[in-house]
Amino acid sequence: MPLVLLGVALLLLRWFEIPPVVDWPLWGLLLPFAGALAWWAWSDASGRTRRLQEDQIKARQRDRRRKALEALGPQGEEAKGDKRRWR
């Protein structure tokens, strides 16, 4: 994403004719977009994207389980003195 933002910023600088970007060749302005495409292609091919998605899913599951346990009430050491335990 940073490379795309850099590319857009360079294009805007050229559009508003702000030096020294005005004098740069067009291929020089498009290099950040090519870098972003190369990064996304590598990220997908290496499995990095899928790994990050799986990490997000696991984090959501952990949070959901933690919230469910908190909603059940005291567990573990706090509940040991309680005589009304379910078996």
N, C-alpha and C. Protein backbone atom coordinates (compact mmCIF):
# COMPACT_ATOMS: atom_id res chain seq x y z
N MET A 1 0.80 -1.19 0.00
CA MET A 1 0.00 0.00 0.00
C MET A 1 0.86 1.28 0.00
N PRO A 2 1.98 1.29 0.73
CA PRO A 2 2.81 2.50 0.69
C PRO A 2 3.32 2.81 -0.72
N LEU A 3 3.64 1.78 -1.50
CA LEU A 3 4.12 2.04 -2.86
C LEU A 3 3.01 2.65 -3.72
N VAL A 4 1.79 2.20 -3.53
CA VAL A 4 0.67 2.76 -4.30
C VAL A 4 0.46 4.22 -3.91
N LEU A 5 0.53 4.51 -2.61
CA LEU A 5 0.38 5.90 -2.16
C LEU A 5 1.50 6.79 -2.70
N LEU A 6 2.71 6.26 -2.73
CA LEU A 6 3.83 7.01 -3.30
C LEU A 6 3.59 7.29 -4.78
N GLY A 7 3.12 6.28 -5.52
CA GLY A 7 2.83 6.46 -6.94
C GLY A 7 1.76 7.51 -7.18
N VAL A 8 0.71 7.46 -6.37
CA VAL A 8 -0.37 8.46 -6.51
C VAL A 8 0.16 9.85 -6.18
N ALA A 9 0.98 9.96 -5.14
CA ALA A 9 1.55 11.26 -4.78
C ALA A 9 2.43 11.81 -5.91
N LEU A 10 3.23 10.95 -6.52
CA LEU A 10 4.07 11.41 -7.63
C LEU A 10 3.23 11.84 -8.82
N LEU A 11 2.17 11.11 -9.12
CA LEU A 11 1.30 11.50 -10.23
C LEU A 11 0.61 12.84 -9.95
N LEU A 12 0.20 13.04 -8.70
CA LEU A 12 -0.42 14.33 -8.35
C LEU A 12 0.59 15.47 -8.45
N LEU A 13 1.83 15.22 -8.02
CA LEU A 13 2.86 16.26 -8.15
C LEU A 13 3.10 16.60 -9.62
N ARG A 14 3.06 15.59 -10.47
CA ARG A 14 3.23 15.86 -11.91
C ARG A 14 2.03 16.60 -12.46
N TRP A 15 0.84 16.21 -12.02
CA TRP A 15 -0.40 16.84 -12.51
C TRP A 15 -0.41 18.33 -12.19
N PHE A 16 0.03 18.68 -10.95
CA PHE A 16 0.05 20.08 -10.54
C PHE A 16 1.34 20.79 -10.93
N GLU A 17 2.18 20.12 -11.71
CA GLU A 17 3.40 20.67 -12.27
C GLU A 17 4.35 21.25 -11.20
N ILE A 18 4.60 20.44 -10.21
CA ILE A 18 5.50 20.84 -9.13
C ILE A 18 6.89 20.29 -9.44
N PRO A 19 7.90 21.17 -9.50
CA PRO A 19 9.25 20.71 -9.81
C PRO A 19 9.81 19.90 -8.66
N PRO A 20 10.71 19.02 -8.86
CA PRO A 20 11.35 18.55 -10.07
C PRO A 20 10.59 17.40 -10.74
N VAL A 21 9.44 17.03 -10.20
CA VAL A 21 8.70 15.87 -10.71
C VAL A 21 8.22 16.10 -12.14
N VAL A 22 8.00 17.33 -12.51
CA VAL A 22 7.52 17.64 -13.87
C VAL A 22 8.51 17.15 -14.92
N ASP A 23 9.78 17.24 -14.62
CA ASP A 23 10.81 16.88 -15.60
C ASP A 23 11.12 15.38 -15.63
N TRP A 24 10.56 14.59 -14.72
CA TRP A 24 10.83 13.16 -14.68
C TRP A 24 10.11 12.44 -15.82
N PRO A 25 10.70 11.40 -16.34
CA PRO A 25 10.00 10.62 -17.39
C PRO A 25 8.81 9.87 -16.78
N LEU A 26 7.86 9.54 -17.62
CA LEU A 26 6.65 8.88 -17.14
C LEU A 26 6.95 7.52 -16.53
N TRP A 27 7.92 6.79 -17.09
CA TRP A 27 8.23 5.48 -16.53
C TRP A 27 8.75 5.60 -15.10
N GLY A 28 9.40 6.70 -14.79
CA GLY A 28 9.89 6.93 -13.44
C GLY A 28 8.75 7.13 -12.44
N LEU A 29 7.66 7.70 -12.92
CA LEU A 29 6.50 7.90 -12.07
C LEU A 29 5.71 6.61 -11.87
N LEU A 30 5.83 5.68 -12.82
CA LEU A 30 5.08 4.44 -12.74
C LEU A 30 5.84 3.33 -12.02
N LEU A 31 7.10 3.55 -11.67
CA LEU A 31 7.90 2.54 -10.96
C LEU A 31 7.28 2.10 -9.63
N PRO A 32 6.74 3.01 -8.81
CA PRO A 32 6.13 2.54 -7.55
C PRO A 32 4.96 1.58 -7.79
N PHE A 33 4.19 1.81 -8.86
CA PHE A 33 3.08 0.90 -9.16
C PHE A 33 3.60 -0.48 -9.57
N ALA A 34 4.68 -0.51 -10.33
CA ALA A 34 5.29 -1.78 -10.72
C ALA A 34 5.83 -2.50 -9.49
N GLY A 35 6.41 -1.75 -8.57
CA GLY A 35 6.90 -2.34 -7.32
C GLY A 35 5.77 -2.92 -6.49
N ALA A 36 4.63 -2.23 -6.46
CA ALA A 36 3.47 -2.73 -5.72
C ALA A 36 2.95 -4.02 -6.35
N LEU A 37 2.90 -4.07 -7.67
CA LEU A 37 2.46 -5.29 -8.34
C LEU A 37 3.41 -6.45 -8.06
N ALA A 38 4.70 -6.19 -8.08
CA ALA A 38 5.68 -7.23 -7.79
C ALA A 38 5.54 -7.72 -6.34
N TRP A 39 5.31 -6.80 -5.41
CA TRP A 39 5.14 -7.17 -4.00
C TRP A 39 3.91 -8.05 -3.82
N TRP A 40 2.78 -7.65 -4.42
CA TRP A 40 1.56 -8.43 -4.27
C TRP A 40 1.70 -9.81 -4.91
N ALA A 41 2.38 -9.88 -6.04
CA ALA A 41 2.59 -11.18 -6.69
C ALA A 41 3.45 -12.08 -5.81
N TRP A 42 4.52 -11.55 -5.24
CA TRP A 42 5.37 -12.34 -4.36
C TRP A 42 4.61 -12.77 -3.10
N SER A 43 3.84 -11.83 -2.54
CA SER A 43 3.10 -12.11 -1.31
C SER A 43 2.10 -13.25 -1.51
N ASP A 44 1.42 -13.25 -2.63
CA ASP A 44 0.46 -14.32 -2.93
C ASP A 44 1.18 -15.63 -3.25
N ALA A 45 2.25 -15.56 -4.01
CA ALA A 45 2.96 -16.78 -4.41
C ALA A 45 3.66 -17.45 -3.23
N SER A 46 4.13 -16.69 -2.27
CA SER A 46 4.86 -17.26 -1.14
C SER A 46 3.94 -17.77 -0.04
N GLY A 47 2.67 -17.45 -0.11
CA GLY A 47 1.72 -17.89 0.91
C GLY A 47 1.61 -16.92 2.07
N ARG A 48 2.27 -15.79 1.99
CA ARG A 48 2.25 -14.81 3.07
C ARG A 48 0.83 -14.28 3.29
N THR A 49 0.11 -13.99 2.23
CA THR A 49 -1.23 -13.44 2.34
C THR A 49 -2.15 -14.41 3.08
N ARG A 50 -2.09 -15.67 2.69
CA ARG A 50 -2.94 -16.69 3.33
C ARG A 50 -2.57 -16.85 4.81
N ARG A 51 -1.28 -16.83 5.11
CA ARG A 51 -0.83 -16.96 6.49
C ARG A 51 -1.35 -15.81 7.35
N LEU A 52 -1.31 -14.60 6.82
CA LEU A 52 -1.82 -13.45 7.56
C LEU A 52 -3.32 -13.56 7.80
N GLN A 53 -4.06 -14.04 6.79
CA GLN A 53 -5.50 -14.22 6.95
C GLN A 53 -5.80 -15.26 8.03
N GLU A 54 -5.05 -16.37 8.02
CA GLU A 54 -5.26 -17.41 9.02
C GLU A 54 -4.93 -16.88 10.42
N ASP A 55 -3.91 -16.05 10.55
CA ASP A 55 -3.58 -15.47 11.85
C ASP A 55 -4.71 -14.57 12.34
N GLN A 56 -5.33 -13.81 11.45
CA GLN A 56 -6.46 -12.97 11.83
C GLN A 56 -7.65 -13.81 12.29
N ILE A 57 -7.91 -14.89 11.58
CA ILE A 57 -9.02 -15.76 11.94
C ILE A 57 -8.78 -16.38 13.32
N LYS A 58 -7.55 -16.84 13.58
CA LYS A 58 -7.21 -17.44 14.87
C LYS A 58 -7.33 -16.41 15.99
N ALA A 59 -6.93 -15.17 15.73
CA ALA A 59 -7.05 -14.11 16.74
C ALA A 59 -8.52 -13.84 17.07
N ARG A 60 -9.37 -13.82 16.04
CA ARG A 60 -10.80 -13.62 16.29
C ARG A 60 -11.38 -14.78 17.10
N GLN A 61 -10.95 -16.00 16.80
CA GLN A 61 -11.43 -17.16 17.56
C GLN A 61 -11.00 -17.08 19.02
N ARG A 62 -9.75 -16.70 19.26
CA ARG A 62 -9.27 -16.56 20.64
C ARG A 62 -10.07 -15.51 21.39
N ASP A 63 -10.34 -14.38 20.73
CA ASP A 63 -11.12 -13.32 21.38
C ASP A 63 -12.54 -13.79 21.67
N ARG A 64 -13.14 -14.51 20.73
CA ARG A 64 -14.50 -15.01 20.92
C ARG A 64 -14.54 -16.00 22.09
N ARG A 65 -13.56 -16.89 22.17
CA ARG A 65 -13.51 -17.86 23.28
C ARG A 65 -13.29 -17.15 24.62
N ARG A 66 -12.39 -16.17 24.62
CA ARG A 66 -12.13 -15.43 25.86
C ARG A 66 -13.38 -14.72 26.34
N LYS A 67 -14.10 -14.08 25.43
CA LYS A 67 -15.33 -13.37 25.80
C LYS A 67 -16.40 -14.35 26.29
N ALA A 68 -16.47 -15.52 25.66
CA ALA A 68 -17.46 -16.51 26.09
C ALA A 68 -17.14 -17.01 27.50
N LEU A 69 -15.86 -17.25 27.79
CA LEU A 69 -15.48 -17.69 29.13
C LEU A 69 -15.74 -16.60 30.17
N GLU A 70 -15.50 -15.36 29.81
CA GLU A 70 -15.78 -14.26 30.73
C GLU A 70 -17.27 -14.15 31.00
N ALA A 71 -18.08 -14.41 29.99
CA ALA A 71 -19.53 -14.33 30.15
C ALA A 71 -20.06 -15.46 31.04
N LEU A 72 -19.36 -16.60 31.11
CA LEU A 72 -19.79 -17.72 31.94
C LEU A 72 -19.59 -17.44 33.43
N GLY A 73 -18.70 -16.56 33.76
CA GLY A 73 -18.44 -16.25 35.15
C GLY A 73 -17.08 -16.74 35.57
N PRO A 74 -16.85 -16.77 36.89
CA PRO A 74 -15.53 -17.17 37.38
C PRO A 74 -15.24 -18.63 37.05
N GLN A 75 -14.04 -18.86 36.64
CA GLN A 75 -13.58 -20.20 36.28
C GLN A 75 -12.27 -20.47 36.99
N GLY A 76 -11.96 -21.72 37.19
CA GLY A 76 -10.65 -22.08 37.72
C GLY A 76 -10.53 -21.85 39.20
N GLU A 77 -9.51 -21.14 39.64
CA GLU A 77 -9.19 -20.96 41.05
C GLU A 77 -10.31 -20.24 41.80
N GLU A 78 -10.98 -19.30 41.16
CA GLU A 78 -12.01 -18.53 41.84
C GLU A 78 -13.21 -19.40 42.18
N ALA A 79 -13.50 -20.42 41.36
CA ALA A 79 -14.70 -21.23 41.53
C ALA A 79 -14.46 -22.48 42.37
N LYS A 80 -13.26 -22.70 42.90
CA LYS A 80 -12.97 -23.93 43.64
C LYS A 80 -13.78 -24.02 44.92
N GLY A 81 -14.04 -22.95 45.57
CA GLY A 81 -14.79 -22.99 46.82
C GLY A 81 -16.29 -23.15 46.60
N ASP A 82 -16.74 -23.04 45.40
CA ASP A 82 -18.16 -23.14 45.11
C ASP A 82 -18.59 -24.60 45.15
N LYS A 83 -19.61 -24.93 45.96
CA LYS A 83 -20.08 -26.30 46.09
C LYS A 83 -21.01 -26.71 44.96
N ARG A 84 -21.57 -25.77 44.26
CA ARG A 84 -22.52 -26.08 43.19
C ARG A 84 -21.81 -26.19 41.85
N ARG A 85 -21.09 -27.24 41.68
CA ARG A 85 -20.38 -27.44 40.42
C ARG A 85 -21.12 -28.44 39.57
N TRP A 86 -21.10 -28.23 38.29
CA TRP A 86 -21.69 -29.16 37.34
C TRP A 86 -20.67 -30.22 37.00
N ARG A 87 -21.09 -31.44 36.90
CA ARG A 87 -20.17 -32.51 36.54
C ARG A 87 -20.66 -33.18 35.31
